[in-house]
Amino acid sequence: MKRLLLLLVAVLPLAAAPPERPALSIPGSLLRCAPPSRPPAGGTQRQVAGYVVDLADAHADCQGKLCRVRGLVEGAR
């Protein structure tokens, strides 16, 4: 009888339901990146330089949003 009781005490916590995870809600604004500008067709060096700056801005926008999404996801674990 003692063995059965010990077995039940050891196995009972395994039968408990896993804890519920809270619903993860990521704002839509964090799921969309700024669109990069179109490259200038046959543009001057000044236009190409502006295009490169626009690409860097679009990358920074996405990188910042991805960091915030990562923080939300890792915080929910």
N, C-alpha and C. Protein backbone atom coordinates (compact mmCIF):
# COMPACT_ATOMS: atom_id res chain seq x y z
N MET A 1 0.82 -1.19 0.00
CA MET A 1 0.00 0.00 0.00
C MET A 1 0.87 1.26 0.00
N LYS A 2 1.95 1.19 0.76
CA LYS A 2 2.86 2.33 0.83
C LYS A 2 3.50 2.60 -0.53
N ARG A 3 3.84 1.53 -1.23
CA ARG A 3 4.45 1.68 -2.55
C ARG A 3 3.47 2.31 -3.54
N LEU A 4 2.23 1.89 -3.46
CA LEU A 4 1.21 2.45 -4.34
C LEU A 4 1.03 3.94 -4.08
N LEU A 5 1.01 4.32 -2.82
CA LEU A 5 0.88 5.72 -2.46
C LEU A 5 2.07 6.53 -2.97
N LEU A 6 3.28 5.99 -2.83
CA LEU A 6 4.47 6.67 -3.34
C LEU A 6 4.42 6.80 -4.86
N LEU A 7 3.96 5.76 -5.51
CA LEU A 7 3.84 5.80 -6.97
C LEU A 7 2.83 6.87 -7.40
N LEU A 8 1.69 6.93 -6.73
CA LEU A 8 0.69 7.95 -7.06
C LEU A 8 1.22 9.35 -6.82
N VAL A 9 1.93 9.54 -5.73
CA VAL A 9 2.49 10.86 -5.43
C VAL A 9 3.52 11.25 -6.48
N ALA A 10 4.27 10.29 -6.99
CA ALA A 10 5.29 10.58 -8.00
C ALA A 10 4.67 10.85 -9.37
N VAL A 11 3.57 10.18 -9.70
CA VAL A 11 2.98 10.27 -11.03
C VAL A 11 1.93 11.38 -11.12
N LEU A 12 1.30 11.73 -10.03
CA LEU A 12 0.21 12.69 -10.04
C LEU A 12 0.59 14.04 -10.66
N PRO A 13 1.73 14.63 -10.36
CA PRO A 13 2.07 15.91 -11.00
C PRO A 13 2.21 15.82 -12.52
N LEU A 14 2.53 14.65 -13.04
CA LEU A 14 2.66 14.49 -14.48
C LEU A 14 1.32 14.56 -15.19
N ALA A 15 0.23 14.29 -14.47
CA ALA A 15 -1.09 14.29 -15.07
C ALA A 15 -1.71 15.69 -15.11
N ALA A 16 -1.09 16.64 -14.46
CA ALA A 16 -1.65 18.00 -14.43
C ALA A 16 -1.58 18.61 -15.83
N ALA A 17 -2.55 19.43 -16.12
CA ALA A 17 -2.59 20.10 -17.43
C ALA A 17 -1.46 21.12 -17.52
N PRO A 18 -0.86 21.25 -18.69
CA PRO A 18 0.21 22.25 -18.84
C PRO A 18 -0.37 23.65 -18.67
N PRO A 19 0.42 24.58 -18.18
CA PRO A 19 -0.10 25.94 -17.99
C PRO A 19 -0.47 26.58 -19.33
N GLU A 20 -1.51 27.37 -19.31
CA GLU A 20 -1.95 28.04 -20.53
C GLU A 20 -1.03 29.21 -20.84
N ARG A 21 -0.70 29.35 -22.11
CA ARG A 21 0.12 30.49 -22.54
C ARG A 21 -0.81 31.64 -22.89
N PRO A 22 -0.43 32.84 -22.50
CA PRO A 22 -1.28 33.98 -22.88
C PRO A 22 -1.23 34.19 -24.39
N ALA A 23 -2.31 34.69 -24.92
CA ALA A 23 -2.36 34.96 -26.36
C ALA A 23 -1.36 36.05 -26.70
N LEU A 24 -0.59 35.81 -27.73
CA LEU A 24 0.43 36.76 -28.16
C LEU A 24 -0.18 37.68 -29.20
N SER A 25 -0.16 38.95 -28.92
CA SER A 25 -0.74 39.93 -29.84
C SER A 25 0.35 40.89 -30.30
N ILE A 26 0.69 40.81 -31.57
CA ILE A 26 1.71 41.68 -32.14
C ILE A 26 1.00 42.73 -32.99
N PRO A 27 1.24 44.01 -32.69
CA PRO A 27 0.57 45.07 -33.46
C PRO A 27 0.90 44.97 -34.95
N GLY A 28 -0.09 45.24 -35.77
CA GLY A 28 0.09 45.18 -37.22
C GLY A 28 1.18 46.11 -37.72
N SER A 29 1.36 47.23 -37.02
CA SER A 29 2.39 48.19 -37.46
C SER A 29 3.79 47.61 -37.35
N LEU A 30 3.98 46.61 -36.49
CA LEU A 30 5.30 45.98 -36.36
C LEU A 30 5.51 44.89 -37.39
N LEU A 31 4.46 44.52 -38.10
CA LEU A 31 4.58 43.44 -39.08
C LEU A 31 4.75 43.96 -40.51
N ARG A 32 4.75 45.27 -40.68
CA ARG A 32 4.94 45.86 -42.01
C ARG A 32 6.16 46.76 -41.99
N CYS A 33 7.00 46.59 -42.97
CA CYS A 33 8.20 47.43 -43.10
C CYS A 33 7.94 48.52 -44.13
N ALA A 34 8.67 49.60 -43.97
CA ALA A 34 8.57 50.68 -44.95
C ALA A 34 9.08 50.16 -46.29
N PRO A 35 8.36 50.43 -47.37
CA PRO A 35 8.84 49.95 -48.67
C PRO A 35 10.07 50.74 -49.11
N PRO A 36 11.05 50.05 -49.67
CA PRO A 36 12.22 50.78 -50.17
C PRO A 36 11.84 51.56 -51.43
N SER A 37 12.55 52.63 -51.66
CA SER A 37 12.28 53.41 -52.86
C SER A 37 12.78 52.65 -54.08
N ARG A 38 12.30 53.04 -55.23
CA ARG A 38 12.74 52.40 -56.47
C ARG A 38 14.08 53.00 -56.88
N PRO A 39 14.96 52.18 -57.43
CA PRO A 39 16.25 52.72 -57.87
C PRO A 39 16.08 53.68 -59.03
N PRO A 40 16.88 54.72 -59.06
CA PRO A 40 16.77 55.66 -60.18
C PRO A 40 17.25 55.02 -61.47
N ALA A 41 16.48 55.19 -62.52
CA ALA A 41 16.86 54.64 -63.82
C ALA A 41 17.83 55.60 -64.48
N GLY A 42 19.07 55.15 -64.64
CA GLY A 42 20.08 55.98 -65.28
C GLY A 42 20.33 57.27 -64.54
N GLY A 43 20.25 57.20 -63.21
CA GLY A 43 20.38 58.41 -62.40
C GLY A 43 21.81 58.87 -62.22
N THR A 44 21.92 60.04 -61.66
CA THR A 44 23.24 60.60 -61.36
C THR A 44 23.77 59.97 -60.08
N GLN A 45 25.02 60.25 -59.76
CA GLN A 45 25.59 59.73 -58.52
C GLN A 45 24.83 60.27 -57.32
N ARG A 46 24.38 61.49 -57.39
CA ARG A 46 23.61 62.09 -56.29
C ARG A 46 22.30 61.31 -56.09
N GLN A 47 21.64 60.95 -57.19
CA GLN A 47 20.39 60.20 -57.08
C GLN A 47 20.63 58.80 -56.53
N VAL A 48 21.71 58.17 -56.99
CA VAL A 48 22.04 56.83 -56.49
C VAL A 48 22.39 56.90 -55.01
N ALA A 49 23.12 57.92 -54.60
CA ALA A 49 23.46 58.08 -53.18
C ALA A 49 22.19 58.26 -52.35
N GLY A 50 21.24 59.03 -52.85
CA GLY A 50 19.97 59.18 -52.15
C GLY A 50 19.22 57.87 -52.05
N TYR A 51 19.30 57.07 -53.11
CA TYR A 51 18.66 55.76 -53.11
C TYR A 51 19.29 54.86 -52.04
N VAL A 52 20.61 54.89 -51.93
CA VAL A 52 21.30 54.07 -50.92
C VAL A 52 20.87 54.50 -49.52
N VAL A 53 20.73 55.79 -49.30
CA VAL A 53 20.26 56.29 -47.99
C VAL A 53 18.84 55.80 -47.73
N ASP A 54 17.98 55.83 -48.74
CA ASP A 54 16.61 55.34 -48.58
C ASP A 54 16.60 53.85 -48.24
N LEU A 55 17.48 53.08 -48.87
CA LEU A 55 17.57 51.64 -48.55
C LEU A 55 18.01 51.44 -47.11
N ALA A 56 18.98 52.23 -46.66
CA ALA A 56 19.44 52.12 -45.28
C ALA A 56 18.32 52.47 -44.31
N ASP A 57 17.51 53.48 -44.64
CA ASP A 57 16.38 53.85 -43.78
C ASP A 57 15.34 52.73 -43.72
N ALA A 58 15.05 52.11 -44.87
CA ALA A 58 14.09 51.00 -44.90
C ALA A 58 14.61 49.83 -44.07
N HIS A 59 15.90 49.56 -44.17
CA HIS A 59 16.50 48.48 -43.37
C HIS A 59 16.40 48.79 -41.88
N ALA A 60 16.70 50.02 -41.50
CA ALA A 60 16.63 50.41 -40.09
C ALA A 60 15.21 50.28 -39.56
N ASP A 61 14.23 50.64 -40.39
CA ASP A 61 12.83 50.51 -40.01
C ASP A 61 12.48 49.05 -39.71
N CYS A 62 12.85 48.15 -40.62
CA CYS A 62 12.56 46.72 -40.43
C CYS A 62 13.33 46.14 -39.26
N GLN A 63 14.58 46.53 -39.13
CA GLN A 63 15.40 46.00 -38.04
C GLN A 63 14.82 46.42 -36.69
N GLY A 64 14.40 47.67 -36.58
CA GLY A 64 13.82 48.14 -35.32
C GLY A 64 12.53 47.41 -34.99
N LYS A 65 11.70 47.20 -35.99
CA LYS A 65 10.44 46.49 -35.77
C LYS A 65 10.69 45.04 -35.40
N LEU A 66 11.66 44.42 -36.06
CA LEU A 66 11.98 43.03 -35.75
C LEU A 66 12.48 42.90 -34.31
N CYS A 67 13.27 43.84 -33.85
CA CYS A 67 13.76 43.81 -32.47
C CYS A 67 12.59 43.91 -31.49
N ARG A 68 11.61 44.76 -31.80
CA ARG A 68 10.45 44.90 -30.92
C ARG A 68 9.60 43.64 -30.92
N VAL A 69 9.42 43.02 -32.09
CA VAL A 69 8.66 41.77 -32.17
C VAL A 69 9.39 40.68 -31.39
N ARG A 70 10.71 40.60 -31.55
CA ARG A 70 11.49 39.61 -30.81
C ARG A 70 11.31 39.80 -29.30
N GLY A 71 11.32 41.04 -28.85
CA GLY A 71 11.11 41.32 -27.43
C GLY A 71 9.75 40.85 -26.95
N LEU A 72 8.72 41.06 -27.77
CA LEU A 72 7.38 40.60 -27.41
C LEU A 72 7.31 39.08 -27.34
N VAL A 73 7.90 38.42 -28.33
CA VAL A 73 7.85 36.96 -28.38
C VAL A 73 8.66 36.35 -27.23
N GLU A 74 9.85 36.86 -26.99
CA GLU A 74 10.68 36.31 -25.91
C GLU A 74 10.09 36.63 -24.54
N GLY A 75 9.41 37.75 -24.43
CA GLY A 75 8.77 38.10 -23.16
C GLY A 75 7.58 37.22 -22.85
N ALA A 76 6.97 36.63 -23.88
CA ALA A 76 5.79 35.78 -23.70
C ALA A 76 6.16 34.34 -23.37
N ARG A 77 7.41 34.01 -23.45
CA ARG A 77 7.81 32.62 -23.16
C ARG A 77 7.83 32.35 -21.69
